[in-house]
Amino acid sequence: MLRNEKYHLIVMGTRGEGTQKGLFFSGIANHLIKTAGCPVLAVPEDTNYQPIERIL
């Protein structure tokens, strides 16, 4: 699916994995970050939402 479309940005949630929770991304997120043809924004599960004030 990703290879058939042209995306500008992928935003996805992640869960910490490994011996130090939050240090490593899950296998799916890690694979996507390495192979996607566009930027990937991976948001950890314990991140607090704050509204966006300005985009440059």
Protein backbone atom coordinates (compact mmCIF):
# COMPACT_ATOMS: atom_id res chain seq x y z
CA MET A 1 0.00 0.00 0.00
CA LEU A 2 2.72 2.52 0.91
CA ARG A 3 4.63 1.79 -2.26
CA ASN A 4 1.59 2.45 -4.46
CA GLU A 5 0.86 5.92 -3.04
CA LYS A 6 2.91 9.10 -2.64
CA TYR A 7 2.69 10.26 0.96
CA HIS A 8 4.25 13.45 2.33
CA LEU A 9 4.32 12.40 6.00
CA ILE A 10 3.36 9.37 8.08
CA VAL A 11 2.30 9.90 11.71
CA MET A 12 2.00 6.83 13.91
CA GLY A 13 1.79 5.92 17.56
CA THR A 14 4.39 3.62 19.10
CA ARG A 15 4.85 1.50 22.18
CA GLY A 16 8.20 1.17 23.94
CA GLU A 17 9.92 -2.16 23.49
CA GLY A 18 13.12 -3.63 24.87
CA THR A 19 14.91 -3.50 28.19
CA GLN A 20 14.53 0.25 28.59
CA LYS A 21 10.91 1.14 27.86
CA GLY A 22 10.63 3.99 25.41
CA LEU A 23 14.18 3.69 24.12
CA PHE A 24 13.33 1.41 21.20
CA PHE A 25 10.39 1.53 18.82
CA SER A 26 8.31 -1.52 18.03
CA GLY A 27 9.36 -3.71 15.12
CA ILE A 28 6.68 -2.28 12.83
CA ALA A 29 7.52 1.35 13.63
CA ASN A 30 11.25 0.69 13.30
CA HIS A 31 10.76 -1.02 9.92
CA LEU A 32 8.55 1.80 8.65
CA ILE A 33 11.03 4.49 9.75
CA LYS A 34 13.81 2.70 7.84
CA THR A 35 11.87 1.88 4.67
CA ALA A 36 9.26 4.61 4.13
CA GLY A 37 9.89 6.92 1.22
CA CYS A 38 8.81 9.94 3.29
CA PRO A 39 9.34 11.32 6.81
CA VAL A 40 7.84 9.31 9.67
CA LEU A 41 6.74 10.96 12.91
CA ALA A 42 6.66 8.29 15.63
CA VAL A 43 4.79 9.42 18.76
CA PRO A 44 5.46 7.45 21.99
CA GLU A 45 2.38 6.15 23.84
CA ASP A 46 2.99 8.20 26.99
CA THR A 47 3.27 11.56 25.19
CA ASN A 48 1.01 14.32 26.50
CA TYR A 49 -1.00 16.16 23.86
CA GLN A 50 -0.29 19.85 23.46
CA PRO A 51 -2.00 21.87 20.73
CA ILE A 52 0.17 23.10 17.87
CA GLU A 53 0.68 26.84 18.15
CA ARG A 54 2.73 27.51 15.03
CA ILE A 55 4.01 25.60 12.00
CA LEU A 56 7.00 26.99 10.13
